[in-house]
Amino acid sequence: MENEMWVWLDQLSMWHWFILGLILLMGEAFGAAGFLLGAAVAALLTGILVWISTTMVDGGMQWQGQILSWTALAIVCSLLYWKKFRASKQISERPELNHRSQQLIGRKIILQQEVNLEGRIQFGDTFWKVRCDEALKAGEKIEVIGADVSTLTIAKIN
């Protein structure tokens, strides 16, 4: 009975690998963000290897060799994709785009209220926690000189 369970694997052909590759590519098209791309390319390459082995070797590649080659190719193709293509997409022309506090560096405003070393001021529609090296009075012109996640560093402009 154990041998009967694996009999269907002896039926694997190049067409099975091509179909698997196309199914994985369709899954990638639905938004897998590159996770299926290595496996899809590996399935297509395995189909080509099975086709070549069938034409050159009597009996072709056994199912164990097919699965082993697909696994190895999937790992290699996935690593190549992540190393070559994904790394280059992470470099942004505007690294501060999703960091609102960083976008405020260099902005100048006139204080509406007094700030005594730490306080809260409004930029646009948001209130920000601020800190400064000296007490600042309402009406003074200030500039944002630094920022972390939620706190702005401000200084008086002379």
C-alpha atoms as a PDB file:
ATOM      1  CA  MET A   1       0.000   0.000   0.000  1.00  0.00           C
ATOM      2  CA  GLU A   2       2.886   2.349   0.716  1.00  0.00           C
ATOM      3  CA  ASN A   3       4.175   1.976  -2.846  1.00  0.00           C
ATOM      4  CA  GLU A   4       0.713   2.734  -4.229  1.00  0.00           C
ATOM      5  CA  MET A   5       0.673   6.038  -2.387  1.00  0.00           C
ATOM      6  CA  TRP A   6       3.686   7.350  -4.312  1.00  0.00           C
ATOM      7  CA  VAL A   7       2.739   5.916  -7.719  1.00  0.00           C
ATOM      8  CA  TRP A   8       1.159   9.161  -8.863  1.00  0.00           C
ATOM      9  CA  LEU A   9       4.496  10.943  -8.379  1.00  0.00           C
ATOM     10  CA  ASP A  10       5.986   8.717 -11.096  1.00  0.00           C
ATOM     11  CA  GLN A  11       3.565  10.420 -13.479  1.00  0.00           C
ATOM     12  CA  LEU A  12       5.159  13.892 -13.062  1.00  0.00           C
ATOM     13  CA  SER A  13       6.025  15.443 -16.409  1.00  0.00           C
ATOM     14  CA  MET A  14       7.249  18.768 -17.706  1.00  0.00           C
ATOM     15  CA  TRP A  15       3.630  19.866 -18.144  1.00  0.00           C
ATOM     16  CA  HIS A  16       2.949  19.551 -14.423  1.00  0.00           C
ATOM     17  CA  TRP A  17       5.863  21.861 -13.694  1.00  0.00           C
ATOM     18  CA  PHE A  18       4.833  24.377 -16.362  1.00  0.00           C
ATOM     19  CA  ILE A  19       1.284  24.439 -14.989  1.00  0.00           C
ATOM     20  CA  LEU A  20       2.562  24.836 -11.410  1.00  0.00           C
ATOM     21  CA  GLY A  21       4.820  27.684 -12.564  1.00  0.00           C
ATOM     22  CA  LEU A  22       1.913  29.469 -14.263  1.00  0.00           C
ATOM     23  CA  ILE A  23      -0.346  28.998 -11.226  1.00  0.00           C
ATOM     24  CA  LEU A  24       2.357  30.466  -8.988  1.00  0.00           C
ATOM     25  CA  LEU A  25       2.848  33.388 -11.396  1.00  0.00           C
ATOM     26  CA  MET A  26      -0.897  34.051 -11.318  1.00  0.00           C
ATOM     27  CA  GLY A  27      -0.749  34.009  -7.529  1.00  0.00           C
ATOM     28  CA  GLU A  28       2.102  36.494  -7.731  1.00  0.00           C
ATOM     29  CA  ALA A  29      -0.003  38.718  -9.989  1.00  0.00           C
ATOM     30  CA  PHE A  30      -2.665  38.836  -7.264  1.00  0.00           C
ATOM     31  CA  GLY A  31      -0.213  40.555  -4.948  1.00  0.00           C
ATOM     32  CA  ALA A  32       2.165  38.124  -3.272  1.00  0.00           C
ATOM     33  CA  ALA A  33       4.872  40.846  -3.232  1.00  0.00           C
ATOM     34  CA  GLY A  34       7.580  38.588  -4.630  1.00  0.00           C
ATOM     35  CA  PHE A  35       7.061  35.652  -2.284  1.00  0.00           C
ATOM     36  CA  LEU A  36       5.897  33.284  -5.036  1.00  0.00           C
ATOM     37  CA  LEU A  37       8.200  34.530  -7.784  1.00  0.00           C
ATOM     38  CA  GLY A  38      11.188  32.339  -6.899  1.00  0.00           C
ATOM     39  CA  ALA A  39       9.050  29.205  -6.680  1.00  0.00           C
ATOM     40  CA  ALA A  40       7.302  30.049  -9.967  1.00  0.00           C
ATOM     41  CA  VAL A  41      10.558  30.545 -11.869  1.00  0.00           C
ATOM     42  CA  ALA A  42      11.942  27.379 -10.272  1.00  0.00           C
ATOM     43  CA  ALA A  43       8.890  25.388 -11.417  1.00  0.00           C
ATOM     44  CA  LEU A  44       9.304  26.658 -14.974  1.00  0.00           C
ATOM     45  CA  LEU A  45      13.030  25.854 -14.937  1.00  0.00           C
ATOM     46  CA  THR A  46      12.301  22.410 -13.523  1.00  0.00           C
ATOM     47  CA  GLY A  47       9.853  21.839 -16.391  1.00  0.00           C
ATOM     48  CA  ILE A  48      12.622  22.719 -18.831  1.00  0.00           C
ATOM     49  CA  LEU A  49      15.047  20.377 -17.048  1.00  0.00           C
ATOM     50  CA  VAL A  50      12.500  17.541 -17.143  1.00  0.00           C
ATOM     51  CA  TRP A  51      11.931  18.161 -20.856  1.00  0.00           C
ATOM     52  CA  ILE A  52      15.696  18.131 -21.557  1.00  0.00           C
ATOM     53  CA  SER A  53      16.233  15.001 -19.452  1.00  0.00           C
ATOM     54  CA  THR A  54      13.341  13.239 -21.211  1.00  0.00           C
ATOM     55  CA  THR A  55      14.855  13.885 -24.621  1.00  0.00           C
ATOM     56  CA  MET A  56      18.415  12.959 -23.600  1.00  0.00           C
ATOM     57  CA  VAL A  57      18.001  10.161 -21.052  1.00  0.00           C
ATOM     58  CA  ASP A  58      15.822   7.105 -21.440  1.00  0.00           C
ATOM     59  CA  GLY A  59      13.086   7.425 -18.829  1.00  0.00           C
ATOM     60  CA  GLY A  60      13.973  11.029 -17.971  1.00  0.00           C
ATOM     61  CA  MET A  61      14.366  12.475 -14.515  1.00  0.00           C
ATOM     62  CA  GLN A  62      12.749  10.577 -11.643  1.00  0.00           C
ATOM     63  CA  TRP A  63      10.230  12.336  -9.405  1.00  0.00           C
ATOM     64  CA  GLN A  64      12.721  12.575  -6.523  1.00  0.00           C
ATOM     65  CA  GLY A  65      15.169  14.464  -8.754  1.00  0.00           C
ATOM     66  CA  GLN A  66      12.398  16.721 -10.028  1.00  0.00           C
ATOM     67  CA  ILE A  67      11.269  17.727  -6.551  1.00  0.00           C
ATOM     68  CA  LEU A  68      14.855  18.117  -5.371  1.00  0.00           C
ATOM     69  CA  SER A  69      15.755  20.330  -8.347  1.00  0.00           C
ATOM     70  CA  TRP A  70      12.603  22.417  -7.864  1.00  0.00           C
ATOM     71  CA  THR A  71      13.379  22.903  -4.177  1.00  0.00           C
ATOM     72  CA  ALA A  72      16.992  23.896  -4.830  1.00  0.00           C
ATOM     73  CA  LEU A  73      16.038  26.205  -7.705  1.00  0.00           C
ATOM     74  CA  ALA A  74      13.264  27.808  -5.641  1.00  0.00           C
ATOM     75  CA  ILE A  75      15.725  28.638  -2.872  1.00  0.00           C
ATOM     76  CA  VAL A  76      18.317  30.011  -5.311  1.00  0.00           C
ATOM     77  CA  CYS A  77      15.785  32.027  -7.348  1.00  0.00           C
ATOM     78  CA  SER A  78      14.158  33.458  -4.214  1.00  0.00           C
ATOM     79  CA  LEU A  79      17.499  34.490  -2.739  1.00  0.00           C
ATOM     80  CA  LEU A  80      18.570  36.097  -6.028  1.00  0.00           C
ATOM     81  CA  TYR A  81      15.292  38.002  -6.254  1.00  0.00           C
ATOM     82  CA  TRP A  82      15.506  39.301  -2.707  1.00  0.00           C
ATOM     83  CA  LYS A  83      19.170  40.233  -3.060  1.00  0.00           C
ATOM     84  CA  LYS A  84      19.079  41.900  -6.473  1.00  0.00           C
ATOM     85  CA  PHE A  85      15.633  43.386  -6.866  1.00  0.00           C
ATOM     86  CA  ARG A  86      14.048  43.922  -3.454  1.00  0.00           C
ATOM     87  CA  ALA A  87      17.084  45.624  -1.910  1.00  0.00           C
ATOM     88  CA  SER A  88      17.161  48.296  -4.630  1.00  0.00           C
ATOM     89  CA  LYS A  89      13.479  49.150  -4.136  1.00  0.00           C
ATOM     90  CA  GLN A  90      13.971  50.043  -0.496  1.00  0.00           C
ATOM     91  CA  ILE A  91      16.074  53.125  -1.257  1.00  0.00           C
ATOM     92  CA  SER A  92      13.780  56.125  -1.350  1.00  0.00           C
ATOM     93  CA  GLU A  93      14.293  59.499  -2.962  1.00  0.00           C
ATOM     94  CA  ARG A  94      12.311  60.986  -0.057  1.00  0.00           C
ATOM     95  CA  PRO A  95      13.179  59.003   3.063  1.00  0.00           C
ATOM     96  CA  GLU A  96      11.264  61.455   5.276  1.00  0.00           C
ATOM     97  CA  LEU A  97       8.007  60.882   3.380  1.00  0.00           C
ATOM     98  CA  ASN A  98       6.335  58.777   6.078  1.00  0.00           C
ATOM     99  CA  HIS A  99       8.072  60.554   8.961  1.00  0.00           C
ATOM    100  CA  ARG A 100       6.046  63.692   9.571  1.00  0.00           C
ATOM    101  CA  SER A 101       8.364  64.988  12.277  1.00  0.00           C
ATOM    102  CA  GLN A 102      11.367  64.822   9.921  1.00  0.00           C
ATOM    103  CA  GLN A 103       9.453  66.835   7.326  1.00  0.00           C
ATOM    104  CA  LEU A 104       9.157  69.726   9.771  1.00  0.00           C
ATOM    105  CA  ILE A 105      12.921  70.247  10.163  1.00  0.00           C
ATOM    106  CA  GLY A 106      13.775  73.693   8.828  1.00  0.00           C
ATOM    107  CA  ARG A 107      10.258  75.079   9.215  1.00  0.00           C
ATOM    108  CA  LYS A 108      10.039  78.524  10.801  1.00  0.00           C
ATOM    109  CA  ILE A 109       7.065  79.911  12.678  1.00  0.00           C
ATOM    110  CA  ILE A 110       6.220  82.605  15.195  1.00  0.00           C
ATOM    111  CA  LEU A 111       5.358  81.186  18.614  1.00  0.00           C
ATOM    112  CA  GLN A 112       1.773  81.700  19.721  1.00  0.00           C
ATOM    113  CA  GLN A 113       2.460  80.744  23.345  1.00  0.00           C
ATOM    114  CA  GLU A 114       5.405  80.611  25.724  1.00  0.00           C
ATOM    115  CA  VAL A 115       7.602  77.476  25.807  1.00  0.00           C
ATOM    116  CA  ASN A 116       9.694  76.863  28.916  1.00  0.00           C
ATOM    117  CA  LEU A 117      12.275  74.201  27.835  1.00  0.00           C
ATOM    118  CA  GLU A 118       9.444  71.772  27.012  1.00  0.00           C
ATOM    119  CA  GLY A 119       5.910  72.285  25.804  1.00  0.00           C
ATOM    120  CA  ARG A 120       3.408  71.754  23.033  1.00  0.00           C
ATOM    121  CA  ILE A 121       2.919  73.849  19.924  1.00  0.00           C
ATOM    122  CA  GLN A 122       0.754  73.514  16.855  1.00  0.00           C
ATOM    123  CA  PHE A 123       2.048  72.981  13.318  1.00  0.00           C
ATOM    124  CA  GLY A 124      -0.837  72.901  10.875  1.00  0.00           C
ATOM    125  CA  ASP A 125      -3.507  70.663  12.368  1.00  0.00           C
ATOM    126  CA  THR A 126      -1.235  68.757  14.770  1.00  0.00           C
ATOM    127  CA  PHE A 127       0.039  69.562  18.233  1.00  0.00           C
ATOM    128  CA  TRP A 128       3.673  68.549  18.725  1.00  0.00           C
ATOM    129  CA  LYS A 129       5.695  68.075  21.868  1.00  0.00           C
ATOM    130  CA  VAL A 130       8.698  70.419  21.670  1.00  0.00           C
ATOM    131  CA  ARG A 131      11.869  70.994  23.603  1.00  0.00           C
ATOM    132  CA  CYS A 132      14.410  73.790  23.475  1.00  0.00           C
ATOM    133  CA  ASP A 133      17.600  74.896  25.219  1.00  0.00           C
ATOM    134  CA  GLU A 134      16.172  78.173  26.547  1.00  0.00           C
ATOM    135  CA  ALA A 135      12.790  79.535  27.546  1.00  0.00           C
ATOM    136  CA  LEU A 136      10.998  81.099  24.575  1.00  0.00           C
ATOM    137  CA  LYS A 137       8.326  83.776  24.680  1.00  0.00           C
ATOM    138  CA  ALA A 138       5.202  84.157  22.580  1.00  0.00           C
ATOM    139  CA  GLY A 139       5.859  86.214  19.430  1.00  0.00           C
ATOM    140  CA  GLU A 140       9.453  84.982  18.951  1.00  0.00           C
ATOM    141  CA  LYS A 141      10.413  83.469  15.616  1.00  0.00           C
ATOM    142  CA  ILE A 142      11.610  79.879  15.970  1.00  0.00           C
ATOM    143  CA  GLU A 143      12.912  77.126  13.700  1.00  0.00           C
ATOM    144  CA  VAL A 144      12.631  73.347  14.000  1.00  0.00           C
ATOM    145  CA  ILE A 145      16.242  72.115  14.152  1.00  0.00           C
ATOM    146  CA  GLY A 146      15.692  68.454  14.992  1.00  0.00           C
ATOM    147  CA  ALA A 147      13.070  65.775  15.387  1.00  0.00           C
ATOM    148  CA  ASP A 148      12.578  62.289  16.671  1.00  0.00           C
ATOM    149  CA  VAL A 149       9.392  60.251  16.405  1.00  0.00           C
ATOM    150  CA  SER A 150       7.097  62.580  18.337  1.00  0.00           C
ATOM    151  CA  THR A 151       9.229  65.416  19.738  1.00  0.00           C
ATOM    152  CA  LEU A 152      10.564  68.430  17.863  1.00  0.00           C
ATOM    153  CA  THR A 153      13.650  70.364  18.901  1.00  0.00           C
ATOM    154  CA  ILE A 154      13.219  74.088  18.349  1.00  0.00           C
ATOM    155  CA  ALA A 155      15.525  77.080  18.593  1.00  0.00           C
ATOM    156  CA  LYS A 156      15.069  80.855  18.520  1.00  0.00           C
ATOM    157  CA  ILE A 157      16.058  82.588  15.306  1.00  0.00           C
ATOM    158  CA  ASN A 158      18.041  85.815  15.841  1.00  0.00           C
END
